[in-house]
Amino acid sequence: MLRYGRWQEALDVTEAALQRAPEARTGAYVALTGAHALAALVSGRHEEVATWSEKLLDLCFDDETKALAHHVAAGHHSWGTGDPAAAMSHFQLCREYFLRIGNDGTAAQ
């Protein structure tokens, strides 16, 4: 849903799933949390993004989840809802972790 610009649907689905899922340091839970944070960001629910971004940074445990966590943090800070000075360091870390996992195309974007 996120890939195709269906922001509200993504937000509704991820919000419902997060209410039912126990918090866990797993790839699936981190991905769900990241999808929700990004859907909240593009849907204008900026007040939520800081909380989810911090949660993601606490939950990440490998290069893939770190890439996702820093991607969300970069979005949060670069969209004027956080500290714009912190955005670039999160973008750089995101790129570094995407390259480590061999996701060159995402890192280039």
PDB file of N, CA and C in Angstrom:
ATOM      1  N   MET A   1       0.822  -1.195   0.000  1.00  0.00           N
ATOM      2  CA  MET A   1       0.000   0.000   0.000  1.00  0.00           C
ATOM      3  C   MET A   1       0.867   1.260   0.000  1.00  0.00           C
ATOM      4  N   LEU A   2       1.977   1.209   0.728  1.00  0.00           N
ATOM      5  CA  LEU A   2       2.868   2.370   0.747  1.00  0.00           C
ATOM      6  C   LEU A   2       3.477   2.638  -0.622  1.00  0.00           C
ATOM      7  N   ARG A   3       3.865   1.580  -1.315  1.00  0.00           N
ATOM      8  CA  ARG A   3       4.487   1.740  -2.624  1.00  0.00           C
ATOM      9  C   ARG A   3       3.567   2.423  -3.626  1.00  0.00           C
ATOM     10  N   TYR A   4       2.282   2.240  -3.468  1.00  0.00           N
ATOM     11  CA  TYR A   4       1.330   2.739  -4.452  1.00  0.00           C
ATOM     12  C   TYR A   4       0.574   3.981  -3.990  1.00  0.00           C
ATOM     13  N   GLY A   5       1.069   4.619  -2.934  1.00  0.00           N
ATOM     14  CA  GLY A   5       0.477   5.869  -2.489  1.00  0.00           C
ATOM     15  C   GLY A   5      -0.853   5.723  -1.781  1.00  0.00           C
ATOM     16  N   ARG A   6      -1.135   4.542  -1.299  1.00  0.00           N
ATOM     17  CA  ARG A   6      -2.397   4.322  -0.583  1.00  0.00           C
ATOM     18  C   ARG A   6      -2.143   4.518   0.912  1.00  0.00           C
ATOM     19  N   TRP A   7      -1.802   5.777   1.251  1.00  0.00           N
ATOM     20  CA  TRP A   7      -1.334   6.131   2.587  1.00  0.00           C
ATOM     21  C   TRP A   7      -2.342   5.822   3.685  1.00  0.00           C
ATOM     22  N   GLN A   8      -3.566   6.250   3.501  1.00  0.00           N
ATOM     23  CA  GLN A   8      -4.566   6.067   4.555  1.00  0.00           C
ATOM     24  C   GLN A   8      -4.853   4.587   4.798  1.00  0.00           C
ATOM     25  N   GLU A   9      -4.929   3.819   3.726  1.00  0.00           N
ATOM     26  CA  GLU A   9      -5.139   2.376   3.893  1.00  0.00           C
ATOM     27  C   GLU A   9      -3.964   1.741   4.636  1.00  0.00           C
ATOM     28  N   ALA A  10      -2.760   2.136   4.277  1.00  0.00           N
ATOM     29  CA  ALA A  10      -1.573   1.611   4.964  1.00  0.00           C
ATOM     30  C   ALA A  10      -1.606   1.987   6.437  1.00  0.00           C
ATOM     31  N   LEU A  11      -1.990   3.205   6.713  1.00  0.00           N
ATOM     32  CA  LEU A  11      -2.068   3.670   8.100  1.00  0.00           C
ATOM     33  C   LEU A  11      -3.109   2.878   8.879  1.00  0.00           C
ATOM     34  N   ASP A  12      -4.267   2.670   8.287  1.00  0.00           N
ATOM     35  CA  ASP A  12      -5.337   1.916   8.957  1.00  0.00           C
ATOM     36  C   ASP A  12      -4.915   0.477   9.252  1.00  0.00           C
ATOM     37  N   VAL A  13      -4.312  -0.169   8.259  1.00  0.00           N
ATOM     38  CA  VAL A  13      -3.910  -1.570   8.417  1.00  0.00           C
ATOM     39  C   VAL A  13      -2.799  -1.710   9.450  1.00  0.00           C
ATOM     40  N   THR A  14      -1.774  -0.861   9.351  1.00  0.00           N
ATOM     41  CA  THR A  14      -0.649  -0.979  10.290  1.00  0.00           C
ATOM     42  C   THR A  14      -1.048  -0.602  11.707  1.00  0.00           C
ATOM     43  N   GLU A  15      -1.911   0.383  11.827  1.00  0.00           N
ATOM     44  CA  GLU A  15      -2.369   0.787  13.162  1.00  0.00           C
ATOM     45  C   GLU A  15      -3.127  -0.357  13.845  1.00  0.00           C
ATOM     46  N   ALA A  16      -4.019  -1.004  13.101  1.00  0.00           N
ATOM     47  CA  ALA A  16      -4.778  -2.132  13.654  1.00  0.00           C
ATOM     48  C   ALA A  16      -3.844  -3.292  14.011  1.00  0.00           C
ATOM     49  N   ALA A  17      -2.875  -3.561  13.147  1.00  0.00           N
ATOM     50  CA  ALA A  17      -1.942  -4.657  13.410  1.00  0.00           C
ATOM     51  C   ALA A  17      -1.072  -4.372  14.633  1.00  0.00           C
ATOM     52  N   LEU A  18      -0.621  -3.136  14.777  1.00  0.00           N
ATOM     53  CA  LEU A  18       0.219  -2.783  15.928  1.00  0.00           C
ATOM     54  C   LEU A  18      -0.557  -2.861  17.249  1.00  0.00           C
ATOM     55  N   GLN A  19      -1.846  -2.622  17.197  1.00  0.00           N
ATOM     56  CA  GLN A  19      -2.659  -2.736  18.411  1.00  0.00           C
ATOM     57  C   GLN A  19      -2.777  -4.185  18.863  1.00  0.00           C
ATOM     58  N   ARG A  20      -2.695  -5.112  17.912  1.00  0.00           N
ATOM     59  CA  ARG A  20      -2.836  -6.535  18.240  1.00  0.00           C
ATOM     60  C   ARG A  20      -1.503  -7.236  18.481  1.00  0.00           C
ATOM     61  N   ALA A  21      -0.445  -6.724  17.891  1.00  0.00           N
ATOM     62  CA  ALA A  21       0.853  -7.407  17.959  1.00  0.00           C
ATOM     63  C   ALA A  21       1.628  -6.997  19.213  1.00  0.00           C
ATOM     64  N   PRO A  22       2.213  -7.965  19.893  1.00  0.00           N
ATOM     65  CA  PRO A  22       3.072  -7.617  21.025  1.00  0.00           C
ATOM     66  C   PRO A  22       4.388  -7.031  20.506  1.00  0.00           C
ATOM     67  N   GLU A  23       4.907  -6.035  21.202  1.00  0.00           N
ATOM     68  CA  GLU A  23       6.173  -5.437  20.798  1.00  0.00           C
ATOM     69  C   GLU A  23       7.262  -6.499  20.868  1.00  0.00           C
ATOM     70  N   ALA A  24       8.044  -6.588  19.797  1.00  0.00           N
ATOM     71  CA  ALA A  24       9.087  -7.609  19.748  1.00  0.00           C
ATOM     72  C   ALA A  24      10.240  -7.123  18.888  1.00  0.00           C
ATOM     73  N   ARG A  25      11.416  -7.561  19.193  1.00  0.00           N
ATOM     74  CA  ARG A  25      12.602  -7.224  18.400  1.00  0.00           C
ATOM     75  C   ARG A  25      12.767  -8.281  17.314  1.00  0.00           C
ATOM     76  N   THR A  26      11.848  -8.219  16.346  1.00  0.00           N
ATOM     77  CA  THR A  26      11.868  -9.135  15.206  1.00  0.00           C
ATOM     78  C   THR A  26      11.793  -8.320  13.921  1.00  0.00           C
ATOM     79  N   GLY A  27      12.248  -8.924  12.830  1.00  0.00           N
ATOM     80  CA  GLY A  27      12.168  -8.241  11.547  1.00  0.00           C
ATOM     81  C   GLY A  27      10.747  -7.866  11.169  1.00  0.00           C
ATOM     82  N   ALA A  28       9.807  -8.755  11.434  1.00  0.00           N
ATOM     83  CA  ALA A  28       8.407  -8.496  11.084  1.00  0.00           C
ATOM     84  C   ALA A  28       7.844  -7.319  11.881  1.00  0.00           C
ATOM     85  N   TYR A  29       8.107  -7.286  13.172  1.00  0.00           N
ATOM     86  CA  TYR A  29       7.572  -6.196  13.990  1.00  0.00           C
ATOM     87  C   TYR A  29       8.233  -4.869  13.619  1.00  0.00           C
ATOM     88  N   VAL A  30       9.541  -4.888  13.377  1.00  0.00           N
ATOM     89  CA  VAL A  30      10.238  -3.660  12.988  1.00  0.00           C
ATOM     90  C   VAL A  30       9.706  -3.163  11.641  1.00  0.00           C
ATOM     91  N   ALA A  31       9.488  -4.067  10.686  1.00  0.00           N
ATOM     92  CA  ALA A  31       8.949  -3.675   9.385  1.00  0.00           C
ATOM     93  C   ALA A  31       7.547  -3.080   9.525  1.00  0.00           C
ATOM     94  N   LEU A  32       6.725  -3.695  10.349  1.00  0.00           N
ATOM     95  CA  LEU A  32       5.374  -3.186  10.586  1.00  0.00           C
ATOM     96  C   LEU A  32       5.428  -1.793  11.211  1.00  0.00           C
ATOM     97  N   THR A  33       6.285  -1.620  12.188  1.00  0.00           N
ATOM     98  CA  THR A  33       6.433  -0.324  12.853  1.00  0.00           C
ATOM     99  C   THR A  33       6.946   0.724  11.870  1.00  0.00           C
ATOM    100  N   GLY A  34       7.913   0.339  11.037  1.00  0.00           N
ATOM    101  CA  GLY A  34       8.434   1.266  10.043  1.00  0.00           C
ATOM    102  C   GLY A  34       7.395   1.668   9.022  1.00  0.00           C
ATOM    103  N   ALA A  35       6.618   0.707   8.559  1.00  0.00           N
ATOM    104  CA  ALA A  35       5.551   1.016   7.604  1.00  0.00           C
ATOM    105  C   ALA A  35       4.531   1.962   8.217  1.00  0.00           C
ATOM    106  N   HIS A  36       4.201   1.724   9.478  1.00  0.00           N
ATOM    107  CA  HIS A  36       3.244   2.607  10.146  1.00  0.00           C
ATOM    108  C   HIS A  36       3.806   4.019  10.290  1.00  0.00           C
ATOM    109  N   ALA A  37       5.070   4.116  10.687  1.00  0.00           N
ATOM    110  CA  ALA A  37       5.687   5.439  10.856  1.00  0.00           C
ATOM    111  C   ALA A  37       5.711   6.207   9.541  1.00  0.00           C
ATOM    112  N   LEU A  38       6.085   5.534   8.449  1.00  0.00           N
ATOM    113  CA  LEU A  38       6.117   6.213   7.151  1.00  0.00           C
ATOM    114  C   LEU A  38       4.721   6.592   6.673  1.00  0.00           C
ATOM    115  N   ALA A  39       3.746   5.718   6.914  1.00  0.00           N
ATOM    116  CA  ALA A  39       2.364   6.042   6.540  1.00  0.00           C
ATOM    117  C   ALA A  39       1.867   7.239   7.347  1.00  0.00           C
ATOM    118  N   ALA A  40       2.223   7.298   8.621  1.00  0.00           N
ATOM    119  CA  ALA A  40       1.831   8.438   9.463  1.00  0.00           C
ATOM    120  C   ALA A  40       2.486   9.721   8.955  1.00  0.00           C
ATOM    121  N   LEU A  41       3.745   9.618   8.551  1.00  0.00           N
ATOM    122  CA  LEU A  41       4.466  10.793   8.066  1.00  0.00           C
ATOM    123  C   LEU A  41       3.807  11.367   6.815  1.00  0.00           C
ATOM    124  N   VAL A  42       3.551  10.520   5.829  1.00  0.00           N
ATOM    125  CA  VAL A  42       2.983  11.027   4.575  1.00  0.00           C
ATOM    126  C   VAL A  42       1.496  11.340   4.692  1.00  0.00           C
ATOM    127  N   SER A  43       0.856  10.855   5.745  1.00  0.00           N
ATOM    128  CA  SER A  43      -0.562  11.167   5.972  1.00  0.00           C
ATOM    129  C   SER A  43      -0.751  12.437   6.799  1.00  0.00           C
ATOM    130  N   GLY A  44       0.358  13.029   7.205  1.00  0.00           N
ATOM    131  CA  GLY A  44       0.272  14.273   7.968  1.00  0.00           C
ATOM    132  C   GLY A  44       0.115  14.085   9.461  1.00  0.00           C
ATOM    133  N   ARG A  45       0.254  12.866   9.939  1.00  0.00           N
ATOM    134  CA  ARG A  45       0.161  12.621  11.382  1.00  0.00           C
ATOM    135  C   ARG A  45       1.559  12.711  11.988  1.00  0.00           C
ATOM    136  N   HIS A  46       2.150  13.878  11.802  1.00  0.00           N
ATOM    137  CA  HIS A  46       3.545  14.105  12.164  1.00  0.00           C
ATOM    138  C   HIS A  46       3.829  13.943  13.645  1.00  0.00           C
ATOM    139  N   GLU A  47       2.865  14.211  14.481  1.00  0.00           N
ATOM    140  CA  GLU A  47       3.099  14.112  15.924  1.00  0.00           C
ATOM    141  C   GLU A  47       3.412  12.679  16.350  1.00  0.00           C
ATOM    142  N   GLU A  48       2.951  11.718  15.598  1.00  0.00           N
ATOM    143  CA  GLU A  48       3.205  10.305  15.917  1.00  0.00           C
ATOM    144  C   GLU A  48       4.580   9.837  15.470  1.00  0.00           C
ATOM    145  N   VAL A  49       5.102  10.461  14.444  1.00  0.00           N
ATOM    146  CA  VAL A  49       6.309   9.951  13.803  1.00  0.00           C
ATOM    147  C   VAL A  49       7.506   9.964  14.753  1.00  0.00           C
ATOM    148  N   ALA A  50       7.637  10.975  15.571  1.00  0.00           N
ATOM    149  CA  ALA A  50       8.766  11.034  16.510  1.00  0.00           C
ATOM    150  C   ALA A  50       8.757   9.830  17.446  1.00  0.00           C
ATOM    151  N   THR A  51       7.604   9.482  17.957  1.00  0.00           N
ATOM    152  CA  THR A  51       7.488   8.339  18.868  1.00  0.00           C
ATOM    153  C   THR A  51       7.861   7.045  18.173  1.00  0.00           C
ATOM    154  N   TRP A  52       7.321   6.826  16.973  1.00  0.00           N
ATOM    155  CA  TRP A  52       7.605   5.593  16.236  1.00  0.00           C
ATOM    156  C   TRP A  52       9.058   5.545  15.791  1.00  0.00           C
ATOM    157  N   SER A  53       9.615   6.686  15.436  1.00  0.00           N
ATOM    158  CA  SER A  53      11.011   6.741  15.022  1.00  0.00           C
ATOM    159  C   SER A  53      11.926   6.335  16.175  1.00  0.00           C
ATOM    160  N   GLU A  54      11.678   6.873  17.340  1.00  0.00           N
ATOM    161  CA  GLU A  54      12.477   6.514  18.513  1.00  0.00           C
ATOM    162  C   GLU A  54      12.336   5.027  18.832  1.00  0.00           C
ATOM    163  N   LYS A  55      11.116   4.516  18.736  1.00  0.00           N
ATOM    164  CA  LYS A  55      10.869   3.102  19.006  1.00  0.00           C
ATOM    165  C   LYS A  55      11.656   2.227  18.023  1.00  0.00           C
ATOM    166  N   LEU A  56      11.650   2.616  16.755  1.00  0.00           N
ATOM    167  CA  LEU A  56      12.394   1.854  15.749  1.00  0.00           C
ATOM    168  C   LEU A  56      13.891   1.845  16.039  1.00  0.00           C
ATOM    169  N   LEU A  57      14.429   2.984  16.401  1.00  0.00           N
ATOM    170  CA  LEU A  57      15.859   3.045  16.698  1.00  0.00           C
ATOM    171  C   LEU A  57      16.201   2.165  17.900  1.00  0.00           C
ATOM    172  N   ASP A  58      15.279   2.035  18.841  1.00  0.00           N
ATOM    173  CA  ASP A  58      15.497   1.153  19.999  1.00  0.00           C
ATOM    174  C   ASP A  58      15.367  -0.322  19.630  1.00  0.00           C
ATOM    175  N   LEU A  59      14.491  -0.630  18.677  1.00  0.00           N
ATOM    176  CA  LEU A  59      14.204  -2.026  18.328  1.00  0.00           C
ATOM    177  C   LEU A  59      15.163  -2.626  17.293  1.00  0.00           C
ATOM    178  N   CYS A  60      15.840  -1.797  16.507  1.00  0.00           N
ATOM    179  CA  CYS A  60      16.655  -2.336  15.413  1.00  0.00           C
ATOM    180  C   CYS A  60      17.793  -3.194  15.959  1.00  0.00           C
ATOM    181  N   PHE A  61      18.123  -4.243  15.194  1.00  0.00           N
ATOM    182  CA  PHE A  61      19.098  -5.206  15.704  1.00  0.00           C
ATOM    183  C   PHE A  61      20.062  -5.743  14.653  1.00  0.00           C
ATOM    184  N   ASP A  62      19.819  -5.469  13.388  1.00  0.00           N
ATOM    185  CA  ASP A  62      20.739  -5.915  12.338  1.00  0.00           C
ATOM    186  C   ASP A  62      20.778  -4.841  11.258  1.00  0.00           C
ATOM    187  N   ASP A  63      21.592  -5.054  10.231  1.00  0.00           N
ATOM    188  CA  ASP A  63      21.755  -4.013   9.208  1.00  0.00           C
ATOM    189  C   ASP A  63      20.451  -3.658   8.508  1.00  0.00           C
ATOM    190  N   GLU A  64      19.606  -4.647   8.253  1.00  0.00           N
ATOM    191  CA  GLU A  64      18.338  -4.378   7.576  1.00  0.00           C
ATOM    192  C   GLU A  64      17.408  -3.534   8.443  1.00  0.00           C
ATOM    193  N   THR A  65      17.266  -3.905   9.700  1.00  0.00           N
ATOM    194  CA  THR A  65      16.369  -3.135  10.570  1.00  0.00           C
ATOM    195  C   THR A  65      16.964  -1.774  10.907  1.00  0.00           C
ATOM    196  N   LYS A  66      18.285  -1.683  10.943  1.00  0.00           N
ATOM    197  CA  LYS A  66      18.929  -0.377  11.169  1.00  0.00           C
ATOM    198  C   LYS A  66      18.702   0.539   9.974  1.00  0.00           C
ATOM    199  N   ALA A  67      18.761  -0.016   8.755  1.00  0.00           N
ATOM    200  CA  ALA A  67      18.487   0.784   7.556  1.00  0.00           C
ATOM    201  C   ALA A  67      17.074   1.355   7.613  1.00  0.00           C
ATOM    202  N   LEU A  68      16.123   0.519   7.973  1.00  0.00           N
ATOM    203  CA  LEU A  68      14.731   0.959   8.073  1.00  0.00           C
ATOM    204  C   LEU A  68      14.566   2.018   9.161  1.00  0.00           C
ATOM    205  N   ALA A  69      15.156   1.787  10.325  1.00  0.00           N
ATOM    206  CA  ALA A  69      15.022   2.731  11.435  1.00  0.00           C
ATOM    207  C   ALA A  69      15.609   4.091  11.077  1.00  0.00           C
ATOM    208  N   HIS A  70      16.763   4.094  10.434  1.00  0.00           N
ATOM    209  CA  HIS A  70      17.381   5.371  10.057  1.00  0.00           C
ATOM    210  C   HIS A  70      16.644   6.033   8.900  1.00  0.00           C
ATOM    211  N   HIS A  71      16.008   5.252   8.052  1.00  0.00           N
ATOM    212  CA  HIS A  71      15.184   5.813   6.977  1.00  0.00           C
ATOM    213  C   HIS A  71      14.006   6.582   7.583  1.00  0.00           C
ATOM    214  N   VAL A  72      13.340   5.981   8.543  1.00  0.00           N
ATOM    215  CA  VAL A  72      12.214   6.649   9.202  1.00  0.00           C
ATOM    216  C   VAL A  72      12.699   7.876   9.965  1.00  0.00           C
ATOM    217  N   ALA A  73      13.819   7.751  10.674  1.00  0.00           N
ATOM    218  CA  ALA A  73      14.351   8.896  11.428  1.00  0.00           C
ATOM    219  C   ALA A  73      14.717  10.041  10.487  1.00  0.00           C
ATOM    220  N   ALA A  74      15.316   9.720   9.345  1.00  0.00           N
ATOM    221  CA  ALA A  74      15.666  10.756   8.369  1.00  0.00           C
ATOM    222  C   ALA A  74      14.415  11.458   7.854  1.00  0.00           C
ATOM    223  N   GLY A  75      13.379  10.686   7.560  1.00  0.00           N
ATOM    224  CA  GLY A  75      12.117  11.286   7.113  1.00  0.00           C
ATOM    225  C   GLY A  75      11.522  12.189   8.168  1.00  0.00           C
ATOM    226  N   HIS A  76      11.530  11.710   9.380  1.00  0.00           N
ATOM    227  CA  HIS A  76      10.993  12.501  10.498  1.00  0.00           C
ATOM    228  C   HIS A  76      11.722  13.837  10.601  1.00  0.00           C
ATOM    229  N   HIS A  77      13.029  13.807  10.584  1.00  0.00           N
ATOM    230  CA  HIS A  77      13.806  15.035  10.766  1.00  0.00           C
ATOM    231  C   HIS A  77      13.785  15.932   9.529  1.00  0.00           C
ATOM    232  N   SER A  78      13.702  15.349   8.343  1.00  0.00           N
ATOM    233  CA  SER A  78      13.760  16.170   7.135  1.00  0.00           C
ATOM    234  C   SER A  78      12.420  16.782   6.741  1.00  0.00           C
ATOM    235  N   TRP A  79      11.331  16.284   7.285  1.00  0.00           N
ATOM    236  CA  TRP A  79      10.023  16.833   6.941  1.00  0.00           C
ATOM    237  C   TRP A  79       9.619  17.973   7.863  1.00  0.00           C
ATOM    238  N   GLY A  80      10.548  18.488   8.633  1.00  0.00           N
ATOM    239  CA  GLY A  80      10.261  19.629   9.490  1.00  0.00           C
ATOM    240  C   GLY A  80       9.558  19.269  10.778  1.00  0.00           C
ATOM    241  N   THR A  81       9.520  17.987  11.098  1.00  0.00           N
ATOM    242  CA  THR A  81       8.843  17.580  12.329  1.00  0.00           C
ATOM    243  C   THR A  81       9.849  17.215  13.415  1.00  0.00           C
ATOM    244  N   GLY A  82      11.111  17.282  13.091  1.00  0.00           N
ATOM    245  CA  GLY A  82      12.161  16.959  14.048  1.00  0.00           C
ATOM    246  C   GLY A  82      13.247  18.008  13.975  1.00  0.00           C
ATOM    247  N   ASP A  83      14.477  17.572  14.077  1.00  0.00           N
ATOM    248  CA  ASP A  83      15.634  18.451  14.014  1.00  0.00           C
ATOM    249  C   ASP A  83      16.258  18.334  12.629  1.00  0.00           C
ATOM    250  N   PRO A  84      16.063  19.323  11.764  1.00  0.00           N
ATOM    251  CA  PRO A  84      16.580  19.228  10.401  1.00  0.00           C
ATOM    252  C   PRO A  84      18.088  18.960  10.344  1.00  0.00           C
ATOM    253  N   ALA A  85      18.830  19.406  11.342  1.00  0.00           N
ATOM    254  CA  ALA A  85      20.273  19.180  11.360  1.00  0.00           C
ATOM    255  C   ALA A  85      20.605  17.695  11.528  1.00  0.00           C
ATOM    256  N   ALA A  86      19.701  16.909  12.084  1.00  0.00           N
ATOM    257  CA  ALA A  86      19.938  15.476  12.304  1.00  0.00           C
ATOM    258  C   ALA A  86      19.583  14.633  11.084  1.00  0.00           C
ATOM    259  N   ALA A  87      18.850  15.196  10.149  1.00  0.00           N
ATOM    260  CA  ALA A  87      18.364  14.426   9.004  1.00  0.00           C
ATOM    261  C   ALA A  87      19.493  13.811   8.187  1.00  0.00           C
ATOM    262  N   MET A  88      20.508  14.587   7.863  1.00  0.00           N
ATOM    263  CA  MET A  88      21.565  14.089   6.984  1.00  0.00           C
ATOM    264  C   MET A  88      22.322  12.920   7.604  1.00  0.00           C
ATOM    265  N   SER A  89      22.593  12.963   8.889  1.00  0.00           N
ATOM    266  CA  SER A  89      23.313  11.839   9.493  1.00  0.00           C
ATOM    267  C   SER A  89      22.472  10.569   9.436  1.00  0.00           C
ATOM    268  N   HIS A  90      21.151  10.688   9.604  1.00  0.00           N
ATOM    269  CA  HIS A  90      20.281   9.518   9.486  1.00  0.00           C
ATOM    270  C   HIS A  90      20.217   9.022   8.045  1.00  0.00           C
ATOM    271  N   PHE A  91      20.182   9.951   7.070  1.00  0.00           N
ATOM    272  CA  PHE A  91      20.199   9.539   5.668  1.00  0.00           C
ATOM    273  C   PHE A  91      21.496   8.796   5.346  1.00  0.00           C
ATOM    274  N   GLN A  92      22.625   9.286   5.849  1.00  0.00           N
ATOM    275  CA  GLN A  92      23.912   8.638   5.589  1.00  0.00           C
ATOM    276  C   GLN A  92      23.972   7.249   6.219  1.00  0.00           C
ATOM    277  N   LEU A  93      23.493   7.126   7.451  1.00  0.00           N
ATOM    278  CA  LEU A  93      23.469   5.816   8.099  1.00  0.00           C
ATOM    279  C   LEU A  93      22.529   4.861   7.368  1.00  0.00           C
ATOM    280  N   CYS A  94      21.384   5.361   6.957  1.00  0.00           N
ATOM    281  CA  CYS A  94      20.425   4.555   6.196  1.00  0.00           C
ATOM    282  C   CYS A  94      21.091   4.020   4.937  1.00  0.00           C
ATOM    283  N   ARG A  95      21.746   4.876   4.197  1.00  0.00           N
ATOM    284  CA  ARG A  95      22.431   4.475   2.963  1.00  0.00           C
ATOM    285  C   ARG A  95      23.504   3.430   3.257  1.00  0.00           C
ATOM    286  N   GLU A  96      24.284   3.669   4.300  1.00  0.00           N
ATOM    287  CA  GLU A  96      25.351   2.734   4.665  1.00  0.00           C
ATOM    288  C   GLU A  96      24.795   1.339   4.956  1.00  0.00           C
ATOM    289  N   TYR A  97      23.704   1.285   5.720  1.00  0.00           N
ATOM    290  CA  TYR A  97      23.118  -0.019   6.049  1.00  0.00           C
ATOM    291  C   TYR A  97      22.467  -0.672   4.835  1.00  0.00           C
ATOM    292  N   PHE A  98      21.833   0.113   3.964  1.00  0.00           N
ATOM    293  CA  PHE A  98      21.270  -0.457   2.736  1.00  0.00           C
ATOM    294  C   PHE A  98      22.376  -1.045   1.862  1.00  0.00           C
ATOM    295  N   LEU A  99      23.518  -0.372   1.778  1.00  0.00           N
ATOM    296  CA  LEU A  99      24.640  -0.897   0.995  1.00  0.00           C
ATOM    297  C   LEU A  99      25.186  -2.181   1.623  1.00  0.00           C
ATOM    298  N   ARG A 100      25.229  -2.241   2.928  1.00  0.00           N
ATOM    299  CA  ARG A 100      25.732  -3.441   3.609  1.00  0.00           C
ATOM    300  C   ARG A 100      24.877  -4.678   3.304  1.00  0.00           C
ATOM    301  N   ILE A 101      23.573  -4.455   3.159  1.00  0.00           N
ATOM    302  CA  ILE A 101      22.697  -5.597   2.882  1.00  0.00           C
ATOM    303  C   ILE A 101      22.533  -5.827   1.382  1.00  0.00           C
ATOM    304  N   GLY A 102      23.282  -5.070   0.582  1.00  0.00           N
ATOM    305  CA  GLY A 102      23.266  -5.279  -0.861  1.00  0.00           C
ATOM    306  C   GLY A 102      22.095  -4.681  -1.571  1.00  0.00           C
ATOM    307  N   ASN A 103      21.449  -3.693  -0.971  1.00  0.00           N
ATOM    308  CA  ASN A 103      20.299  -3.058  -1.589  1.00  0.00           C
ATOM    309  C   ASN A 103      20.754  -1.744  -2.213  1.00  0.00           C
ATOM    310  N   ASP A 104      21.572  -1.844  -3.264  1.00  0.00           N
ATOM    311  CA  ASP A 104      22.176  -0.667  -3.889  1.00  0.00           C
ATOM    312  C   ASP A 104      21.151   0.317  -4.437  1.00  0.00           C
ATOM    313  N   GLY A 105      20.087  -0.188  -5.045  1.00  0.00           N
ATOM    314  CA  GLY A 105      19.081   0.684  -5.647  1.00  0.00           C
ATOM    315  C   GLY A 105      18.407   1.562  -4.617  1.00  0.00           C
ATOM    316  N   THR A 106      18.070   0.990  -3.480  1.00  0.00           N
ATOM    317  CA  THR A 106      17.428   1.775  -2.416  1.00  0.00           C
ATOM    318  C   THR A 106      18.420   2.791  -1.869  1.00  0.00           C
ATOM    319  N   ALA A 107      19.664   2.402  -1.697  1.00  0.00           N
ATOM    320  CA  ALA A 107      20.677   3.311  -1.173  1.00  0.00           C
ATOM    321  C   ALA A 107      20.887   4.484  -2.122  1.00  0.00           C
ATOM    322  N   ALA A 108      20.853   4.221  -3.417  1.00  0.00           N
ATOM    323  CA  ALA A 108      21.059   5.293  -4.402  1.00  0.00           C
ATOM    324  C   ALA A 108      19.915   6.290  -4.381  1.00  0.00           C
ATOM    325  N   GLN A 109      18.715   5.823  -4.105  1.00  0.00           N
ATOM    326  CA  GLN A 109      17.559   6.727  -4.065  1.00  0.00           C
ATOM    327  C   GLN A 109      17.707   7.683  -2.920  1.00  0.00           C
TER     328      GLN A 109
END
